[in-house]
Every structure is written in structure tokens, then in C-alpha cells.
Amino acid sequence: MGLNGIFIFGESNNNEIIRNLIKDNEHGLRILKSENNLVEDNTISGSLRCDIRIEPGFYNILFSPIISSENERNHTRGKA
């Protein structure tokens, strides 16, 4: 099990995360202090802590995630 499936942090802005299979990590998709990201059509499963975590960052766009684990800790904070 990995720590993060996909982790975008800080100065990394304007990313496109499209059509990924993210499995069996502590965090599936984590975006922290990053802006203008497009996240579309990703399949996320088996995350230990949370499947999608987006923390303070602006104008992040999230389309059609497929989350196949039943994790109560999924959350988004800030302006997503």
C-alpha cells in the first residue's frame, strides 16, 4: 500500500488528472495548496484514510469521480 495515489502540492498548478485508476493507498487523490486543477473520470478504490482530499486551493474542478470504496472520511475543504 502506498501513501498517496496522486499527490499534487504547492507550486504545481494547472494540472489535468484524467482517467486514472488509483487503488490501495492511504490517500487516493490529494491536492494541497494547488490551484486550477482539472480532475476528471478517475476511478479510486481501497483508500485507507480518504479517497479524495482537496485542501485550500482555488478553482479546482472535479468531474465524474468513481469511488468504489465506502470511506466515510472523504472530504473537500476550501473553494473546490
Protein backbone atom coordinates (compact mmCIF):
# COMPACT_ATOMS: atom_id res chain seq x y z
CA MET A 1 0.00 0.00 0.00
CA GLY A 2 1.36 3.40 -0.99
CA LEU A 3 0.94 6.67 0.90
CA ASN A 4 -0.69 8.72 -1.89
CA GLY A 5 -2.02 7.55 -5.22
CA ILE A 6 -1.73 11.01 -6.83
CA PHE A 7 -0.44 13.94 -4.73
CA ILE A 8 -0.31 17.49 -6.09
CA PHE A 9 1.27 20.07 -3.79
CA GLY A 10 2.11 23.75 -3.70
CA GLU A 11 3.58 25.41 -6.77
CA SER A 12 2.26 22.68 -9.06
CA ASN A 13 -0.77 24.39 -10.65
CA ASN A 14 -2.83 23.92 -13.83
CA ASN A 15 -2.67 20.11 -13.85
CA GLU A 16 -5.02 17.76 -15.68
CA ILE A 17 -5.59 14.47 -13.86
CA ILE A 18 -7.74 12.48 -16.29
CA ARG A 19 -8.68 8.78 -16.48
CA ASN A 20 -6.52 7.18 -13.80
CA LEU A 21 -7.06 4.02 -11.79
CA ILE A 22 -5.97 4.75 -8.22
CA LYS A 23 -6.03 1.73 -5.88
CA ASP A 24 -4.98 0.71 -2.38
CA ASN A 25 -3.29 3.82 -0.99
CA GLU A 26 -3.58 5.74 2.25
CA HIS A 27 -4.96 8.73 0.30
CA GLY A 28 -6.28 8.12 -3.22
CA LEU A 29 -6.11 11.62 -4.71
CA ARG A 30 -4.76 14.51 -2.65
CA ILE A 31 -4.49 18.13 -3.80
CA LEU A 32 -2.90 20.51 -1.29
CA LYS A 33 -2.30 24.24 -1.82
CA SER A 34 -2.56 23.91 -5.59
CA GLU A 35 -4.80 25.85 -7.99
CA ASN A 36 -6.60 25.48 -11.32
CA ASN A 37 -6.53 21.69 -11.49
CA LEU A 38 -8.91 19.63 -13.63
CA VAL A 39 -9.71 16.21 -12.18
CA GLU A 40 -11.91 14.09 -14.44
CA ASP A 41 -13.02 10.44 -14.82
CA ASN A 42 -10.73 8.86 -12.22
CA THR A 43 -11.53 5.53 -10.55
CA ILE A 44 -10.46 5.41 -6.91
CA SER A 45 -10.75 2.38 -4.64
CA GLY A 46 -9.35 0.84 -1.48
CA SER A 47 -8.08 4.03 0.18
CA LEU A 48 -7.25 3.63 3.85
CA ARG A 49 -7.89 7.22 5.02
CA CYS A 50 -9.76 9.07 2.27
CA ASP A 51 -10.36 8.68 -1.43
CA ILE A 52 -10.32 12.37 -2.44
CA ARG A 53 -8.89 15.16 -0.32
CA ILE A 54 -8.70 18.73 -1.62
CA GLU A 55 -7.39 21.35 0.80
CA PRO A 56 -7.10 25.11 0.46
CA GLY A 57 -6.61 25.87 -3.19
CA PHE A 58 -8.80 27.74 -5.65
CA TYR A 59 -10.62 26.81 -8.85
CA ASN A 60 -10.08 23.07 -8.71
CA ILE A 61 -12.62 21.32 -10.96
CA LEU A 62 -13.72 17.78 -10.12
CA PHE A 63 -15.82 15.84 -12.66
CA SER A 64 -17.23 12.31 -12.52
CA PRO A 65 -15.09 10.56 -9.92
CA ILE A 66 -15.86 6.87 -9.50
CA ILE A 67 -15.26 5.95 -5.88
CA SER A 68 -15.72 2.28 -5.16
CA SER A 69 -14.70 2.13 -1.51
CA GLU A 70 -17.02 3.04 1.31
CA ASN A 71 -14.90 5.54 3.16
CA GLU A 72 -16.62 8.00 5.48
CA ARG A 73 -13.59 10.30 5.58
CA ASN A 74 -13.88 11.70 2.05
CA HIS A 75 -13.97 15.47 2.20
CA THR A 76 -13.22 18.72 0.46
CA ARG A 77 -12.24 21.96 2.20
CA GLY A 78 -11.68 25.43 0.83
CA LYS A 79 -13.00 26.56 -2.53
CA ALA A 80 -13.15 23.49 -4.72
